[in-house]
Amino acid sequence: MPTLLRLHGLRFMIFLDDHAPAHVHVFGDGEAKIEIGGDGDVPRMIYAERMSGAMQRRAPAAVARNRAMLLMKWVEIHDRTD
């Protein structure tokens, strides 16, 4: 499970054996799962456990700012034809 991004005390990861829809797992003072979304979509918080309100606000904003890279990495990891 590669760490793709570190920002504001958060680590953004994509699990290698995960499932659609495209999403990231975020670790900070707790854990969250955020659907990345496509063009024009707002990232959607799927869940947040033991994560402060500040980090719950920062995480989706960081996903939105880095959406293109995160989607590209999701496709690289999950849409391979091995």
PDB file of N, CA and C in Angstrom:
ATOM      1  N   MET A   1       0.836  -1.173   0.000  1.00  0.00           N
ATOM      2  CA  MET A   1       0.000   0.000   0.000  1.00  0.00           C
ATOM      3  C   MET A   1       0.878   1.233   0.000  1.00  0.00           C
ATOM      4  N   PRO A   2       1.087   1.786  -1.161  1.00  0.00           N
ATOM      5  CA  PRO A   2       1.986   2.934  -1.264  1.00  0.00           C
ATOM      6  C   PRO A   2       1.387   4.218  -0.699  1.00  0.00           C
ATOM      7  N   THR A   3       2.242   4.980  -0.018  1.00  0.00           N
ATOM      8  CA  THR A   3       1.867   6.324   0.409  1.00  0.00           C
ATOM      9  C   THR A   3       2.089   7.238  -0.777  1.00  0.00           C
ATOM     10  N   LEU A   4       1.044   7.922  -1.199  1.00  0.00           N
ATOM     11  CA  LEU A   4       1.118   8.775  -2.383  1.00  0.00           C
ATOM     12  C   LEU A   4       1.347  10.229  -2.053  1.00  0.00           C
ATOM     13  N   LEU A   5       0.956  10.617  -0.839  1.00  0.00           N
ATOM     14  CA  LEU A   5       0.983  12.031  -0.505  1.00  0.00           C
ATOM     15  C   LEU A   5       1.056  12.172   1.009  1.00  0.00           C
ATOM     16  N   ARG A   6       1.801  13.156   1.468  1.00  0.00           N
ATOM     17  CA  ARG A   6       1.861  13.527   2.890  1.00  0.00           C
ATOM     18  C   ARG A   6       1.638  15.028   2.957  1.00  0.00           C
ATOM     19  N   LEU A   7       0.576  15.420   3.637  1.00  0.00           N
ATOM     20  CA  LEU A   7       0.244  16.843   3.780  1.00  0.00           C
ATOM     21  C   LEU A   7      -0.423  17.084   5.123  1.00  0.00           C
ATOM     22  N   HIS A   8      -0.059  18.169   5.772  1.00  0.00           N
ATOM     23  CA  HIS A   8      -0.769  18.624   6.977  1.00  0.00           C
ATOM     24  C   HIS A   8      -0.936  17.520   8.020  1.00  0.00           C
ATOM     25  N   GLY A   9       0.072  16.682   8.205  1.00  0.00           N
ATOM     26  CA  GLY A   9      -0.003  15.602   9.184  1.00  0.00           C
ATOM     27  C   GLY A   9      -0.842  14.421   8.728  1.00  0.00           C
ATOM     28  N   LEU A  10      -1.161  14.343   7.444  1.00  0.00           N
ATOM     29  CA  LEU A  10      -1.979  13.265   6.888  1.00  0.00           C
ATOM     30  C   LEU A  10      -1.161  12.454   5.878  1.00  0.00           C
ATOM     31  N   ARG A  11      -1.402  11.138   5.850  1.00  0.00           N
ATOM     32  CA  ARG A  11      -0.826  10.247   4.840  1.00  0.00           C
ATOM     33  C   ARG A  11      -1.957   9.722   3.982  1.00  0.00           C
ATOM     34  N   PHE A  12      -1.820   9.827   2.664  1.00  0.00           N
ATOM     35  CA  PHE A  12      -2.836   9.392   1.715  1.00  0.00           C
ATOM     36  C   PHE A  12      -2.315   8.151   1.008  1.00  0.00           C
ATOM     37  N   MET A  13      -3.082   7.042   1.099  1.00  0.00           N
ATOM     38  CA  MET A  13      -2.626   5.763   0.572  1.00  0.00           C
ATOM     39  C   MET A  13      -3.708   5.114  -0.290  1.00  0.00           C
ATOM     40  N   ILE A  14      -3.255   4.317  -1.250  1.00  0.00           N
ATOM     41  CA  ILE A  14      -4.157   3.465  -2.023  1.00  0.00           C
ATOM     42  C   ILE A  14      -3.716   2.034  -1.766  1.00  0.00           C
ATOM     43  N   PHE A  15      -4.628   1.198  -1.313  1.00  0.00           N
ATOM     44  CA  PHE A  15      -4.318  -0.199  -1.052  1.00  0.00           C
ATOM     45  C   PHE A  15      -4.238  -0.953  -2.373  1.00  0.00           C
ATOM     46  N   LEU A  16      -3.261  -1.819  -2.505  1.00  0.00           N
ATOM     47  CA  LEU A  16      -3.016  -2.532  -3.759  1.00  0.00           C
ATOM     48  C   LEU A  16      -4.148  -3.491  -4.132  1.00  0.00           C
ATOM     49  N   ASP A  17      -4.799  -4.086  -3.157  1.00  0.00           N
ATOM     50  CA  ASP A  17      -5.835  -5.086  -3.439  1.00  0.00           C
ATOM     51  C   ASP A  17      -7.240  -4.536  -3.149  1.00  0.00           C
ATOM     52  N   ASP A  18      -7.420  -3.256  -3.346  1.00  0.00           N
ATOM     53  CA  ASP A  18      -8.693  -2.602  -3.007  1.00  0.00           C
ATOM     54  C   ASP A  18      -9.686  -2.694  -4.162  1.00  0.00           C
ATOM     55  N   HIS A  19     -10.825  -2.097  -4.003  1.00  0.00           N
ATOM     56  CA  HIS A  19     -11.959  -2.215  -4.917  1.00  0.00           C
ATOM     57  C   HIS A  19     -12.454  -0.836  -5.331  1.00  0.00           C
ATOM     58  N   ALA A  20     -13.236  -0.810  -6.405  1.00  0.00           N
ATOM     59  CA  ALA A  20     -13.883   0.435  -6.850  1.00  0.00           C
ATOM     60  C   ALA A  20     -14.984   0.793  -5.860  1.00  0.00           C
ATOM     61  N   PRO A  21     -15.377   2.057  -5.820  1.00  0.00           N
ATOM     62  CA  PRO A  21     -14.937   3.200  -6.602  1.00  0.00           C
ATOM     63  C   PRO A  21     -13.555   3.676  -6.148  1.00  0.00           C
ATOM     64  N   ALA A  22     -12.921   4.468  -7.004  1.00  0.00           N
ATOM     65  CA  ALA A  22     -11.590   4.993  -6.706  1.00  0.00           C
ATOM     66  C   ALA A  22     -11.634   5.800  -5.411  1.00  0.00           C
ATOM     67  N   HIS A  23     -10.752   5.444  -4.486  1.00  0.00           N
ATOM     68  CA  HIS A  23     -10.732   6.125  -3.185  1.00  0.00           C
ATOM     69  C   HIS A  23      -9.340   6.032  -2.579  1.00  0.00           C
ATOM     70  N   VAL A  24      -9.116   6.853  -1.565  1.00  0.00           N
ATOM     71  CA  VAL A  24      -7.870   6.821  -0.809  1.00  0.00           C
ATOM     72  C   VAL A  24      -8.184   6.574   0.657  1.00  0.00           C
ATOM     73  N   HIS A  25      -7.215   5.991   1.329  1.00  0.00           N
ATOM     74  CA  HIS A  25      -7.273   5.826   2.783  1.00  0.00           C
ATOM     75  C   HIS A  25      -6.354   6.895   3.355  1.00  0.00           C
ATOM     76  N   VAL A  26      -6.839   7.586   4.356  1.00  0.00           N
ATOM     77  CA  VAL A  26      -6.110   8.708   4.924  1.00  0.00           C
ATOM     78  C   VAL A  26      -5.855   8.412   6.404  1.00  0.00           C
ATOM     79  N   PHE A  27      -4.602   8.582   6.814  1.00  0.00           N
ATOM     80  CA  PHE A  27      -4.221   8.342   8.199  1.00  0.00           C
ATOM     81  C   PHE A  27      -3.617   9.609   8.774  1.00  0.00           C
ATOM     82  N   GLY A  28      -4.090   9.988   9.930  1.00  0.00           N
ATOM     83  CA  GLY A  28      -3.578  11.146  10.654  1.00  0.00           C
ATOM     84  C   GLY A  28      -3.750  10.849  12.123  1.00  0.00           C
ATOM     85  N   ASP A  29      -4.593  11.620  12.804  1.00  0.00           N
ATOM     86  CA  ASP A  29      -4.887  11.325  14.202  1.00  0.00           C
ATOM     87  C   ASP A  29      -5.996  10.283  14.299  1.00  0.00           C
ATOM     88  N   GLY A  30      -6.421   9.773  13.194  1.00  0.00           N
ATOM     89  CA  GLY A  30      -7.417   8.716  13.062  1.00  0.00           C
ATOM     90  C   GLY A  30      -7.299   8.174  11.654  1.00  0.00           C
ATOM     91  N   GLU A  31      -8.406   7.708  11.120  1.00  0.00           N
ATOM     92  CA  GLU A  31      -8.401   7.122   9.789  1.00  0.00           C
ATOM     93  C   GLU A  31      -9.656   7.528   9.043  1.00  0.00           C
ATOM     94  N   ALA A  32      -9.528   7.735   7.739  1.00  0.00           N
ATOM     95  CA  ALA A  32     -10.676   8.072   6.898  1.00  0.00           C
ATOM     96  C   ALA A  32     -10.533   7.380   5.558  1.00  0.00           C
ATOM     97  N   LYS A  33     -11.654   7.257   4.887  1.00  0.00           N
ATOM     98  CA  LYS A  33     -11.694   6.726   3.517  1.00  0.00           C
ATOM     99  C   LYS A  33     -12.470   7.753   2.705  1.00  0.00           C
ATOM    100  N   ILE A  34     -11.858   8.220   1.598  1.00  0.00           N
ATOM    101  CA  ILE A  34     -12.450   9.291   0.807  1.00  0.00           C
ATOM    102  C   ILE A  34     -12.521   8.868  -0.650  1.00  0.00           C
ATOM    103  N   GLU A  35     -13.723   8.917  -1.222  1.00  0.00           N
ATOM    104  CA  GLU A  35     -13.895   8.651  -2.647  1.00  0.00           C
ATOM    105  C   GLU A  35     -13.310   9.834  -3.405  1.00  0.00           C
ATOM    106  N   ILE A  36     -12.455   9.543  -4.387  1.00  0.00           N
ATOM    107  CA  ILE A  36     -11.748  10.600  -5.103  1.00  0.00           C
ATOM    108  C   ILE A  36     -12.705  11.405  -5.979  1.00  0.00           C
ATOM    109  N   GLY A  37     -13.590  10.742  -6.690  1.00  0.00           N
ATOM    110  CA  GLY A  37     -14.525  11.429  -7.578  1.00  0.00           C
ATOM    111  C   GLY A  37     -13.876  11.781  -8.902  1.00  0.00           C
ATOM    112  N   GLY A  38     -14.703  12.056  -9.889  1.00  0.00           N
ATOM    113  CA  GLY A  38     -14.217  12.412 -11.213  1.00  0.00           C
ATOM    114  C   GLY A  38     -14.207  13.908 -11.419  1.00  0.00           C
ATOM    115  N   ASP A  39     -14.000  14.315 -12.655  1.00  0.00           N
ATOM    116  CA  ASP A  39     -13.989  15.738 -12.973  1.00  0.00           C
ATOM    117  C   ASP A  39     -15.293  16.397 -12.534  1.00  0.00           C
ATOM    118  N   GLY A  40     -15.171  17.490 -11.812  1.00  0.00           N
ATOM    119  CA  GLY A  40     -16.339  18.226 -11.369  1.00  0.00           C
ATOM    120  C   GLY A  40     -16.993  17.673 -10.116  1.00  0.00           C
ATOM    121  N   ASP A  41     -16.607  16.463  -9.708  1.00  0.00           N
ATOM    122  CA  ASP A  41     -17.172  15.876  -8.491  1.00  0.00           C
ATOM    123  C   ASP A  41     -16.395  16.364  -7.272  1.00  0.00           C
ATOM    124  N   VAL A  42     -17.086  16.484  -6.175  1.00  0.00           N
ATOM    125  CA  VAL A  42     -16.450  16.824  -4.899  1.00  0.00           C
ATOM    126  C   VAL A  42     -16.076  15.508  -4.227  1.00  0.00           C
ATOM    127  N   PRO A  43     -14.844  15.385  -3.702  1.00  0.00           N
ATOM    128  CA  PRO A  43     -14.493  14.164  -2.978  1.00  0.00           C
ATOM    129  C   PRO A  43     -15.510  13.906  -1.870  1.00  0.00           C
ATOM    130  N   ARG A  44     -15.827  12.630  -1.671  1.00  0.00           N
ATOM    131  CA  ARG A  44     -16.859  12.255  -0.697  1.00  0.00           C
ATOM    132  C   ARG A  44     -16.237  11.428   0.419  1.00  0.00           C
ATOM    133  N   MET A  45     -16.440  11.890   1.651  1.00  0.00           N
ATOM    134  CA  MET A  45     -15.965  11.162   2.822  1.00  0.00           C
ATOM    135  C   MET A  45     -16.842   9.925   2.993  1.00  0.00           C
ATOM    136  N   ILE A  46     -16.260   8.752   2.903  1.00  0.00           N
ATOM    137  CA  ILE A  46     -17.001   7.506   3.092  1.00  0.00           C
ATOM    138  C   ILE A  46     -17.112   7.212   4.580  1.00  0.00           C
ATOM    139  N   TYR A  47     -16.000   7.355   5.299  1.00  0.00           N
ATOM    140  CA  TYR A  47     -16.044   7.253   6.754  1.00  0.00           C
ATOM    141  C   TYR A  47     -14.839   7.960   7.352  1.00  0.00           C
ATOM    142  N   ALA A  48     -14.962   8.324   8.602  1.00  0.00           N
ATOM    143  CA  ALA A  48     -13.849   8.876   9.380  1.00  0.00           C
ATOM    144  C   ALA A  48     -13.977   8.325  10.791  1.00  0.00           C
ATOM    145  N   GLU A  49     -12.907   7.725  11.268  1.00  0.00           N
ATOM    146  CA  GLU A  49     -12.903   7.142  12.614  1.00  0.00           C
ATOM    147  C   GLU A  49     -11.797   7.779  13.448  1.00  0.00           C
ATOM    148  N   ARG A  50     -12.163   8.278  14.611  1.00  0.00           N
ATOM    149  CA  ARG A  50     -11.214   8.872  15.560  1.00  0.00           C
ATOM    150  C   ARG A  50     -10.399   9.997  14.939  1.00  0.00           C
ATOM    151  N   MET A  51     -10.937  10.682  13.934  1.00  0.00           N
ATOM    152  CA  MET A  51     -10.216  11.761  13.258  1.00  0.00           C
ATOM    153  C   MET A  51     -10.814  13.095  13.680  1.00  0.00           C
ATOM    154  N   SER A  52      -9.953  14.032  14.048  1.00  0.00           N
ATOM    155  CA  SER A  52     -10.422  15.342  14.504  1.00  0.00           C
ATOM    156  C   SER A  52     -11.183  16.061  13.392  1.00  0.00           C
ATOM    157  N   GLY A  53     -12.002  17.002  13.786  1.00  0.00           N
ATOM    158  CA  GLY A  53     -12.762  17.795  12.823  1.00  0.00           C
ATOM    159  C   GLY A  53     -11.860  18.535  11.856  1.00  0.00           C
ATOM    160  N   ALA A  54     -10.740  19.058  12.362  1.00  0.00           N
ATOM    161  CA  ALA A  54      -9.809  19.788  11.492  1.00  0.00           C
ATOM    162  C   ALA A  54      -9.258  18.869  10.408  1.00  0.00           C
ATOM    163  N   MET A  55      -8.875  17.657  10.786  1.00  0.00           N
ATOM    164  CA  MET A  55      -8.340  16.726   9.794  1.00  0.00           C
ATOM    165  C   MET A  55      -9.436  16.231   8.849  1.00  0.00           C
ATOM    166  N   GLN A  56     -10.664  16.131   9.346  1.00  0.00           N
ATOM    167  CA  GLN A  56     -11.779  15.744   8.472  1.00  0.00           C
ATOM    168  C   GLN A  56     -12.068  16.820   7.429  1.00  0.00           C
ATOM    169  N   ARG A  57     -11.725  18.048   7.721  1.00  0.00           N
ATOM    170  CA  ARG A  57     -11.884  19.125   6.732  1.00  0.00           C
ATOM    171  C   ARG A  57     -10.682  19.182   5.778  1.00  0.00           C
ATOM    172  N   ARG A  58      -9.484  18.994   6.320  1.00  0.00           N
ATOM    173  CA  ARG A  58      -8.269  19.071   5.506  1.00  0.00           C
ATOM    174  C   ARG A  58      -8.167  17.942   4.485  1.00  0.00           C
ATOM    175  N   ALA A  59      -8.552  16.733   4.892  1.00  0.00           N
ATOM    176  CA  ALA A  59      -8.351  15.561   4.038  1.00  0.00           C
ATOM    177  C   ALA A  59      -9.108  15.662   2.707  1.00  0.00           C
ATOM    178  N   PRO A  60     -10.430  15.931   2.691  1.00  0.00           N
ATOM    179  CA  PRO A  60     -11.113  16.032   1.396  1.00  0.00           C
ATOM    180  C   PRO A  60     -10.610  17.208   0.554  1.00  0.00           C
ATOM    181  N   ALA A  61     -10.218  18.300   1.206  1.00  0.00           N
ATOM    182  CA  ALA A  61      -9.685  19.448   0.466  1.00  0.00           C
ATOM    183  C   ALA A  61      -8.376  19.062  -0.224  1.00  0.00           C
ATOM    184  N   ALA A  62      -7.528  18.297   0.455  1.00  0.00           N
ATOM    185  CA  ALA A  62      -6.271  17.844  -0.146  1.00  0.00           C
ATOM    186  C   ALA A  62      -6.538  16.874  -1.288  1.00  0.00           C
ATOM    187  N   VAL A  63      -7.535  16.001  -1.139  1.00  0.00           N
ATOM    188  CA  VAL A  63      -7.897  15.079  -2.218  1.00  0.00           C
ATOM    189  C   VAL A  63      -8.365  15.881  -3.425  1.00  0.00           C
ATOM    190  N   ALA A  64      -9.177  16.897  -3.208  1.00  0.00           N
ATOM    191  CA  ALA A  64      -9.679  17.721  -4.312  1.00  0.00           C
ATOM    192  C   ALA A  64      -8.521  18.413  -5.042  1.00  0.00           C
ATOM    193  N   ARG A  65      -7.568  18.954  -4.297  1.00  0.00           N
ATOM    194  CA  ARG A  65      -6.435  19.658  -4.912  1.00  0.00           C
ATOM    195  C   ARG A  65      -5.503  18.719  -5.670  1.00  0.00           C
ATOM    196  N   ASN A  66      -5.477  17.449  -5.279  1.00  0.00           N
ATOM    197  CA  ASN A  66      -4.560  16.474  -5.879  1.00  0.00           C
ATOM    198  C   ASN A  66      -5.299  15.385  -6.652  1.00  0.00           C
ATOM    199  N   ARG A  67      -6.534  15.666  -7.024  1.00  0.00           N
ATOM    200  CA  ARG A  67      -7.406  14.679  -7.668  1.00  0.00           C
ATOM    201  C   ARG A  67      -6.768  14.026  -8.901  1.00  0.00           C
ATOM    202  N   ALA A  68      -6.208  14.816  -9.797  1.00  0.00           N
ATOM    203  CA  ALA A  68      -5.657  14.259 -11.047  1.00  0.00           C
ATOM    204  C   ALA A  68      -4.572  13.223 -10.755  1.00  0.00           C
ATOM    205  N   MET A  69      -3.649  13.546  -9.863  1.00  0.00           N
ATOM    206  CA  MET A  69      -2.577  12.621  -9.528  1.00  0.00           C
ATOM    207  C   MET A  69      -3.117  11.374  -8.853  1.00  0.00           C
ATOM    208  N   LEU A  70      -4.057  11.547  -7.916  1.00  0.00           N
ATOM    209  CA  LEU A  70      -4.605  10.399  -7.197  1.00  0.00           C
ATOM    210  C   LEU A  70      -5.375   9.471  -8.136  1.00  0.00           C
ATOM    211  N   LEU A  71      -6.161  10.033  -9.045  1.00  0.00           N
ATOM    212  CA  LEU A  71      -6.878   9.195 -10.016  1.00  0.00           C
ATOM    213  C   LEU A  71      -5.910   8.473 -10.946  1.00  0.00           C
ATOM    214  N   MET A  72      -4.859   9.158 -11.370  1.00  0.00           N
ATOM    215  CA  MET A  72      -3.861   8.532 -12.236  1.00  0.00           C
ATOM    216  C   MET A  72      -3.213   7.349 -11.514  1.00  0.00           C
ATOM    217  N   LYS A  73      -2.869   7.530 -10.253  1.00  0.00           N
ATOM    218  CA  LYS A  73      -2.259   6.449  -9.473  1.00  0.00           C
ATOM    219  C   LYS A  73      -3.245   5.300  -9.265  1.00  0.00           C
ATOM    220  N   TRP A  74      -4.522   5.621  -9.011  1.00  0.00           N
ATOM    221  CA  TRP A  74      -5.533   4.565  -8.847  1.00  0.00           C
ATOM    222  C   TRP A  74      -5.576   3.698 -10.104  1.00  0.00           C
ATOM    223  N   VAL A  75      -5.613   4.342 -11.260  1.00  0.00           N
ATOM    224  CA  VAL A  75      -5.677   3.611 -12.533  1.00  0.00           C
ATOM    225  C   VAL A  75      -4.410   2.774 -12.722  1.00  0.00           C
ATOM    226  N   GLU A  76      -3.253   3.352 -12.437  1.00  0.00           N
ATOM    227  CA  GLU A  76      -1.996   2.600 -12.562  1.00  0.00           C
ATOM    228  C   GLU A  76      -2.005   1.335 -11.698  1.00  0.00           C
ATOM    229  N   ILE A  77      -2.524   1.459 -10.490  1.00  0.00           N
ATOM    230  CA  ILE A  77      -2.506   0.348  -9.547  1.00  0.00           C
ATOM    231  C   ILE A  77      -3.598  -0.687  -9.850  1.00  0.00           C
ATOM    232  N   HIS A  78      -4.796  -0.238 -10.219  1.00  0.00           N
ATOM    233  CA  HIS A  78      -5.947  -1.150 -10.289  1.00  0.00           C
ATOM    234  C   HIS A  78      -6.416  -1.523 -11.683  1.00  0.00           C
ATOM    235  N   ASP A  79      -6.066  -0.769 -12.682  1.00  0.00           N
ATOM    236  CA  ASP A  79      -6.562  -1.077 -14.027  1.00  0.00           C
ATOM    237  C   ASP A  79      -5.502  -1.718 -14.902  1.00  0.00           C
ATOM    238  N   ARG A  80      -4.599  -2.481 -14.274  1.00  0.00           N
ATOM    239  CA  ARG A  80      -3.585  -3.199 -15.040  1.00  0.00           C
ATOM    240  C   ARG A  80      -4.196  -4.472 -15.614  1.00  0.00           C
ATOM    241  N   THR A  81      -3.658  -4.909 -16.699  1.00  0.00           N
ATOM    242  CA  THR A  81      -4.050  -6.206 -17.261  1.00  0.00           C
ATOM    243  C   THR A  81      -2.842  -7.121 -17.142  1.00  0.00           C
ATOM    244  N   ASP A  82      -2.732  -7.785 -16.006  1.00  0.00           N
ATOM    245  CA  ASP A  82      -1.585  -8.671 -15.721  1.00  0.00           C
ATOM    246  C   ASP A  82      -1.785  -9.999 -16.413  1.00  0.00           C
TER     247      ASP A  82
END
